[in-house]
Amino acid sequence: MKGQSAIEFVIVVSAALFFLLAFTVAVQVNIENSLNEKRERMLKEIAVDLQDEVALASGSTDGYYREFTIPTAVFDRDYSASFVAGYVYVVTNDTKHAIAIKILNVTGNPVPGKNSIRRTNGSVYVNS
């Protein structure tokens, strides 16, 4: 009788631990998915901000100059941004998150932190 009670106790405790572990894993996965969505959203905001800066400079007259800042990191992840073939590419350094948005023609590349943009002779230059 005592042996059967001990076995039943071990089974009940094991089942409880299993469900607790499964719940913990489910919560962790949910948190990670939420953080990934926030990273994607922040990358998109950076790309749209760069797109807006280029559009503003393109629509301005020669002599336009402005300094602007973009975040130095995306939720503790470093990233890079570049203008290539009519697109702004923003990608985290681990390449798990990236976005590309079409932009007007521009020369130069943005960097995390402080940037400058200017329009000279009908062309737009970023950090150059």
N, C-alpha and C. Protein backbone atom coordinates (compact mmCIF):
# COMPACT_ATOMS: atom_id res chain seq x y z
N MET A 1 0.81 -1.18 0.00
CA MET A 1 0.00 0.00 0.00
C MET A 1 0.87 1.26 0.00
N LYS A 2 1.93 1.30 0.86
CA LYS A 2 2.81 2.46 0.90
C LYS A 2 3.58 2.61 -0.41
N GLY A 3 3.96 1.50 -0.99
CA GLY A 3 4.69 1.53 -2.25
C GLY A 3 3.82 2.09 -3.37
N GLN A 4 2.56 1.71 -3.39
CA GLN A 4 1.65 2.22 -4.42
C GLN A 4 1.42 3.73 -4.24
N SER A 5 1.30 4.20 -3.03
CA SER A 5 1.11 5.63 -2.75
C SER A 5 2.33 6.42 -3.20
N ALA A 6 3.52 5.90 -2.96
CA ALA A 6 4.74 6.57 -3.37
C ALA A 6 4.82 6.68 -4.90
N ILE A 7 4.47 5.62 -5.59
CA ILE A 7 4.48 5.63 -7.06
C ILE A 7 3.46 6.63 -7.59
N GLU A 8 2.25 6.65 -7.00
CA GLU A 8 1.23 7.59 -7.43
C GLU A 8 1.68 9.03 -7.17
N PHE A 9 2.35 9.27 -6.05
CA PHE A 9 2.86 10.60 -5.73
C PHE A 9 3.89 11.05 -6.76
N VAL A 10 4.80 10.15 -7.09
CA VAL A 10 5.83 10.47 -8.09
C VAL A 10 5.18 10.77 -9.44
N ILE A 11 4.16 10.01 -9.81
CA ILE A 11 3.48 10.24 -11.08
C ILE A 11 2.78 11.60 -11.08
N VAL A 12 2.10 11.94 -10.01
CA VAL A 12 1.39 13.22 -9.91
C VAL A 12 2.39 14.39 -9.94
N VAL A 13 3.47 14.29 -9.17
CA VAL A 13 4.48 15.34 -9.16
C VAL A 13 5.14 15.47 -10.54
N SER A 14 5.44 14.36 -11.18
CA SER A 14 6.04 14.40 -12.52
C SER A 14 5.09 15.06 -13.52
N ALA A 15 3.82 14.74 -13.46
CA ALA A 15 2.84 15.35 -14.36
C ALA A 15 2.76 16.85 -14.11
N ALA A 16 2.75 17.27 -12.86
CA ALA A 16 2.68 18.69 -12.52
C ALA A 16 3.91 19.42 -13.04
N LEU A 17 5.09 18.84 -12.87
CA LEU A 17 6.32 19.45 -13.37
C LEU A 17 6.33 19.54 -14.90
N PHE A 18 5.80 18.50 -15.54
CA PHE A 18 5.73 18.50 -17.00
C PHE A 18 4.85 19.65 -17.49
N PHE A 19 3.68 19.82 -16.88
CA PHE A 19 2.77 20.89 -17.29
C PHE A 19 3.35 22.27 -16.98
N LEU A 20 4.05 22.39 -15.86
CA LEU A 20 4.70 23.64 -15.52
C LEU A 20 5.79 23.97 -16.55
N LEU A 21 6.57 23.00 -16.93
CA LEU A 21 7.60 23.19 -17.93
C LEU A 21 6.99 23.56 -19.28
N ALA A 22 5.93 22.87 -19.68
CA ALA A 22 5.27 23.16 -20.95
C ALA A 22 4.71 24.59 -20.95
N PHE A 23 4.13 25.02 -19.83
CA PHE A 23 3.60 26.37 -19.72
C PHE A 23 4.73 27.39 -19.82
N THR A 24 5.83 27.14 -19.16
CA THR A 24 6.98 28.05 -19.19
C THR A 24 7.53 28.18 -20.62
N VAL A 25 7.65 27.08 -21.32
CA VAL A 25 8.14 27.11 -22.70
C VAL A 25 7.17 27.89 -23.59
N ALA A 26 5.86 27.69 -23.42
CA ALA A 26 4.87 28.40 -24.22
C ALA A 26 4.95 29.91 -23.98
N VAL A 27 5.12 30.31 -22.74
CA VAL A 27 5.25 31.74 -22.42
C VAL A 27 6.51 32.31 -23.04
N GLN A 28 7.61 31.58 -22.95
CA GLN A 28 8.88 32.04 -23.52
C GLN A 28 8.78 32.22 -25.04
N VAL A 29 8.15 31.28 -25.71
CA VAL A 29 7.97 31.37 -27.16
C VAL A 29 7.12 32.59 -27.50
N ASN A 30 6.08 32.83 -26.73
CA ASN A 30 5.22 33.97 -26.95
C ASN A 30 5.99 35.29 -26.77
N ILE A 31 6.82 35.37 -25.75
CA ILE A 31 7.62 36.56 -25.52
C ILE A 31 8.60 36.79 -26.66
N GLU A 32 9.24 35.72 -27.12
CA GLU A 32 10.19 35.83 -28.23
C GLU A 32 9.50 36.29 -29.50
N ASN A 33 8.31 35.75 -29.79
CA ASN A 33 7.56 36.18 -30.98
C ASN A 33 7.18 37.66 -30.88
N SER A 34 6.78 38.09 -29.71
CA SER A 34 6.43 39.49 -29.50
C SER A 34 7.64 40.40 -29.72
N LEU A 35 8.78 40.01 -29.22
CA LEU A 35 10.00 40.79 -29.39
C LEU A 35 10.42 40.84 -30.86
N ASN A 36 10.27 39.73 -31.57
CA ASN A 36 10.59 39.71 -33.00
C ASN A 36 9.68 40.66 -33.78
N GLU A 37 8.39 40.69 -33.43
CA GLU A 37 7.46 41.60 -34.08
C GLU A 37 7.85 43.05 -33.81
N LYS A 38 8.27 43.34 -32.59
CA LYS A 38 8.70 44.70 -32.25
C LYS A 38 9.95 45.09 -33.03
N ARG A 39 10.88 44.15 -33.18
CA ARG A 39 12.09 44.43 -33.97
C ARG A 39 11.74 44.73 -35.42
N GLU A 40 10.86 43.92 -35.99
CA GLU A 40 10.43 44.12 -37.38
C GLU A 40 9.76 45.49 -37.53
N ARG A 41 8.91 45.84 -36.58
CA ARG A 41 8.22 47.13 -36.63
C ARG A 41 9.22 48.29 -36.53
N MET A 42 10.21 48.15 -35.65
CA MET A 42 11.20 49.22 -35.49
C MET A 42 12.07 49.36 -36.75
N LEU A 43 12.44 48.24 -37.37
CA LEU A 43 13.20 48.30 -38.62
C LEU A 43 12.39 49.01 -39.70
N LYS A 44 11.09 48.72 -39.75
CA LYS A 44 10.24 49.37 -40.74
C LYS A 44 10.15 50.87 -40.47
N GLU A 45 10.05 51.26 -39.19
CA GLU A 45 10.01 52.68 -38.85
C GLU A 45 11.30 53.39 -39.28
N ILE A 46 12.43 52.74 -39.09
CA ILE A 46 13.71 53.33 -39.51
C ILE A 46 13.73 53.48 -41.02
N ALA A 47 13.32 52.45 -41.75
CA ALA A 47 13.32 52.51 -43.21
C ALA A 47 12.38 53.60 -43.72
N VAL A 48 11.21 53.72 -43.11
CA VAL A 48 10.25 54.75 -43.52
C VAL A 48 10.79 56.14 -43.19
N ASP A 49 11.44 56.29 -42.05
CA ASP A 49 12.05 57.58 -41.70
C ASP A 49 13.10 57.97 -42.73
N LEU A 50 13.94 57.01 -43.14
CA LEU A 50 14.95 57.29 -44.16
C LEU A 50 14.30 57.64 -45.49
N GLN A 51 13.26 56.91 -45.84
CA GLN A 51 12.52 57.18 -47.08
C GLN A 51 11.94 58.61 -47.04
N ASP A 52 11.37 59.00 -45.91
CA ASP A 52 10.81 60.34 -45.78
C ASP A 52 11.89 61.42 -45.87
N GLU A 53 13.03 61.18 -45.25
CA GLU A 53 14.13 62.16 -45.32
C GLU A 53 14.59 62.36 -46.76
N VAL A 54 14.73 61.28 -47.50
CA VAL A 54 15.17 61.37 -48.90
C VAL A 54 14.11 62.06 -49.74
N ALA A 55 12.84 61.75 -49.51
CA ALA A 55 11.76 62.39 -50.27
C ALA A 55 11.70 63.89 -49.98
N LEU A 56 11.89 64.26 -48.72
CA LEU A 56 11.89 65.67 -48.35
C LEU A 56 13.04 66.41 -49.02
N ALA A 57 14.22 65.81 -49.00
CA ALA A 57 15.38 66.44 -49.64
C ALA A 57 15.20 66.52 -51.15
N SER A 58 14.64 65.48 -51.74
CA SER A 58 14.42 65.47 -53.19
C SER A 58 13.44 66.55 -53.62
N GLY A 59 12.45 66.82 -52.79
CA GLY A 59 11.44 67.82 -53.11
C GLY A 59 11.86 69.24 -52.79
N SER A 60 13.00 69.39 -52.15
CA SER A 60 13.49 70.71 -51.77
C SER A 60 14.37 71.29 -52.86
N THR A 61 14.76 72.53 -52.66
CA THR A 61 15.63 73.19 -53.62
C THR A 61 17.10 72.91 -53.28
N ASP A 62 17.97 73.20 -54.23
CA ASP A 62 19.41 73.04 -53.98
C ASP A 62 19.81 73.89 -52.77
N GLY A 63 20.74 73.37 -52.00
CA GLY A 63 21.17 74.06 -50.79
C GLY A 63 20.51 73.51 -49.54
N TYR A 64 19.54 72.62 -49.73
CA TYR A 64 18.87 72.01 -48.57
C TYR A 64 19.88 71.21 -47.77
N TYR A 65 19.83 71.37 -46.45
CA TYR A 65 20.71 70.60 -45.56
C TYR A 65 19.95 70.32 -44.27
N ARG A 66 20.10 69.12 -43.77
CA ARG A 66 19.43 68.76 -42.52
C ARG A 66 20.22 67.66 -41.84
N GLU A 67 20.25 67.70 -40.52
CA GLU A 67 20.82 66.61 -39.73
C GLU A 67 19.68 65.88 -39.05
N PHE A 68 19.78 64.57 -39.04
CA PHE A 68 18.75 63.76 -38.39
C PHE A 68 19.42 62.58 -37.71
N THR A 69 18.69 61.96 -36.82
CA THR A 69 19.23 60.85 -36.05
C THR A 69 18.34 59.63 -36.22
N ILE A 70 18.97 58.48 -36.38
CA ILE A 70 18.24 57.21 -36.36
C ILE A 70 18.79 56.40 -35.19
N PRO A 71 18.01 55.48 -34.65
CA PRO A 71 18.44 54.73 -33.46
C PRO A 71 19.77 54.01 -33.67
N THR A 72 20.51 53.85 -32.59
CA THR A 72 21.81 53.18 -32.67
C THR A 72 21.68 51.66 -32.58
N ALA A 73 20.54 51.17 -32.09
CA ALA A 73 20.31 49.72 -31.99
C ALA A 73 18.81 49.46 -32.05
N VAL A 74 18.46 48.25 -32.41
CA VAL A 74 17.07 47.81 -32.46
C VAL A 74 16.88 46.75 -31.38
N PHE A 75 16.34 47.17 -30.25
CA PHE A 75 16.15 46.27 -29.10
C PHE A 75 17.42 45.46 -28.83
N ASP A 76 18.51 46.17 -28.57
CA ASP A 76 19.81 45.59 -28.22
C ASP A 76 20.47 44.81 -29.35
N ARG A 77 20.02 44.99 -30.56
CA ARG A 77 20.67 44.36 -31.71
C ARG A 77 21.20 45.45 -32.62
N ASP A 78 22.45 45.31 -33.03
CA ASP A 78 23.03 46.25 -33.98
C ASP A 78 22.42 46.01 -35.35
N TYR A 79 22.41 47.05 -36.17
CA TYR A 79 21.85 46.93 -37.52
C TYR A 79 22.63 47.83 -38.46
N SER A 80 22.36 47.66 -39.74
CA SER A 80 22.96 48.54 -40.73
C SER A 80 21.87 48.95 -41.72
N ALA A 81 22.07 50.10 -42.33
CA ALA A 81 21.15 50.60 -43.34
C ALA A 81 21.96 51.02 -44.54
N SER A 82 21.42 50.80 -45.73
CA SER A 82 22.12 51.19 -46.94
C SER A 82 21.12 51.50 -48.04
N PHE A 83 21.56 52.32 -48.98
CA PHE A 83 20.76 52.65 -50.16
C PHE A 83 21.36 51.91 -51.34
N VAL A 84 20.58 51.02 -51.95
CA VAL A 84 21.07 50.22 -53.07
C VAL A 84 19.98 50.13 -54.14
N ALA A 85 20.32 50.56 -55.34
CA ALA A 85 19.46 50.41 -56.52
C ALA A 85 18.02 50.87 -56.27
N GLY A 86 17.87 52.04 -55.69
CA GLY A 86 16.54 52.59 -55.49
C GLY A 86 15.79 52.05 -54.29
N TYR A 87 16.47 51.37 -53.39
CA TYR A 87 15.84 50.83 -52.18
C TYR A 87 16.66 51.20 -50.96
N VAL A 88 16.00 51.32 -49.83
CA VAL A 88 16.69 51.43 -48.56
C VAL A 88 16.57 50.06 -47.90
N TYR A 89 17.71 49.49 -47.55
CA TYR A 89 17.75 48.19 -46.88
C TYR A 89 18.16 48.41 -45.43
N VAL A 90 17.38 47.87 -44.52
CA VAL A 90 17.71 47.93 -43.11
C VAL A 90 17.71 46.49 -42.61
N VAL A 91 18.84 46.06 -42.04
CA VAL A 91 18.99 44.66 -41.63
C VAL A 91 19.77 44.59 -40.32
N THR A 92 19.33 43.70 -39.43
CA THR A 92 20.10 43.50 -38.20
C THR A 92 21.38 42.75 -38.54
N ASN A 93 22.41 42.94 -37.74
CA ASN A 93 23.70 42.32 -38.03
C ASN A 93 23.66 40.80 -37.98
N ASP A 94 22.70 40.23 -37.26
CA ASP A 94 22.57 38.77 -37.25
C ASP A 94 21.75 38.27 -38.45
N THR A 95 21.30 39.17 -39.31
CA THR A 95 20.53 38.93 -40.54
C THR A 95 19.22 38.18 -40.31
N LYS A 96 18.70 38.20 -39.10
CA LYS A 96 17.41 37.54 -38.83
C LYS A 96 16.23 38.44 -39.15
N HIS A 97 16.47 39.75 -39.21
CA HIS A 97 15.40 40.70 -39.48
C HIS A 97 15.89 41.68 -40.53
N ALA A 98 15.04 41.92 -41.55
CA ALA A 98 15.44 42.85 -42.61
C ALA A 98 14.19 43.40 -43.27
N ILE A 99 14.37 44.57 -43.89
CA ILE A 99 13.27 45.18 -44.66
C ILE A 99 13.88 46.01 -45.78
N ALA A 100 13.17 46.11 -46.89
CA ALA A 100 13.58 46.93 -48.02
C ALA A 100 12.39 47.76 -48.47
N ILE A 101 12.62 49.06 -48.67
CA ILE A 101 11.56 49.97 -49.12
C ILE A 101 12.11 50.80 -50.27
N LYS A 102 11.28 50.99 -51.29
CA LYS A 102 11.69 51.76 -52.46
C LYS A 102 11.84 53.23 -52.09
N ILE A 103 12.91 53.85 -52.61
CA ILE A 103 13.17 55.27 -52.38
C ILE A 103 13.61 55.92 -53.67
N LEU A 104 13.70 57.25 -53.63
CA LEU A 104 14.24 58.00 -54.76
C LEU A 104 15.75 57.85 -54.78
N ASN A 105 16.36 58.26 -55.87
CA ASN A 105 17.81 58.11 -56.04
C ASN A 105 18.56 58.97 -55.02
N VAL A 106 19.55 58.37 -54.38
CA VAL A 106 20.34 59.07 -53.36
C VAL A 106 21.76 58.51 -53.38
N THR A 107 22.72 59.35 -53.00
CA THR A 107 24.12 58.94 -52.94
C THR A 107 24.56 58.93 -51.48
N GLY A 108 25.31 57.91 -51.09
CA GLY A 108 25.79 57.79 -49.72
C GLY A 108 25.00 56.74 -48.96
N ASN A 109 25.33 56.56 -47.70
CA ASN A 109 24.64 55.59 -46.87
C ASN A 109 24.45 56.14 -45.46
N PRO A 110 23.32 55.84 -44.86
CA PRO A 110 23.08 56.27 -43.49
C PRO A 110 23.83 55.38 -42.50
N VAL A 111 24.03 55.89 -41.32
CA VAL A 111 24.65 55.13 -40.24
C VAL A 111 23.78 55.25 -39.00
N PRO A 112 23.78 54.26 -38.14
CA PRO A 112 23.05 54.41 -36.88
C PRO A 112 23.59 55.61 -36.11
N GLY A 113 22.71 56.42 -35.60
CA GLY A 113 23.12 57.62 -34.90
C GLY A 113 22.86 58.85 -35.74
N LYS A 114 23.78 59.81 -35.69
CA LYS A 114 23.61 61.11 -36.36
C LYS A 114 23.99 61.02 -37.84
N ASN A 115 23.14 61.61 -38.69
CA ASN A 115 23.34 61.62 -40.14
C ASN A 115 23.07 63.02 -40.66
N SER A 116 23.58 63.28 -41.86
CA SER A 116 23.27 64.54 -42.53
C SER A 116 22.80 64.24 -43.95
N ILE A 117 21.90 65.08 -44.44
CA ILE A 117 21.39 64.92 -45.80
C ILE A 117 21.39 66.30 -46.44
N ARG A 118 21.76 66.34 -47.73
CA ARG A 118 21.79 67.63 -48.43
C ARG A 118 21.41 67.42 -49.88
N ARG A 119 20.99 68.52 -50.50
CA ARG A 119 20.70 68.49 -51.93
C ARG A 119 21.59 69.51 -52.61
N THR A 120 22.36 69.02 -53.56
CA THR A 120 23.27 69.87 -54.32
C THR A 120 23.17 69.50 -55.79
N ASN A 121 23.02 70.51 -56.65
CA ASN A 121 22.94 70.30 -58.11
C ASN A 121 21.89 69.25 -58.48
N GLY A 122 20.77 69.24 -57.80
CA GLY A 122 19.68 68.33 -58.12
C GLY A 122 19.84 66.92 -57.60
N SER A 123 20.94 66.63 -56.89
CA SER A 123 21.17 65.29 -56.35
C SER A 123 21.11 65.33 -54.82
N VAL A 124 20.71 64.21 -54.25
CA VAL A 124 20.60 64.09 -52.80
C VAL A 124 21.77 63.26 -52.28
N TYR A 125 22.40 63.76 -51.23
CA TYR A 125 23.56 63.08 -50.64
C TYR A 125 23.32 62.86 -49.15
N VAL A 126 23.63 61.67 -48.70
CA VAL A 126 23.54 61.35 -47.27
C VAL A 126 24.93 61.02 -46.78
N ASN A 127 25.39 61.77 -45.78
CA ASN A 127 26.71 61.58 -45.17
C ASN A 127 27.84 61.62 -46.18
N SER A 128 27.73 62.43 -47.22
CA SER A 128 28.83 62.54 -48.18
C SER A 128 28.96 63.95 -48.67
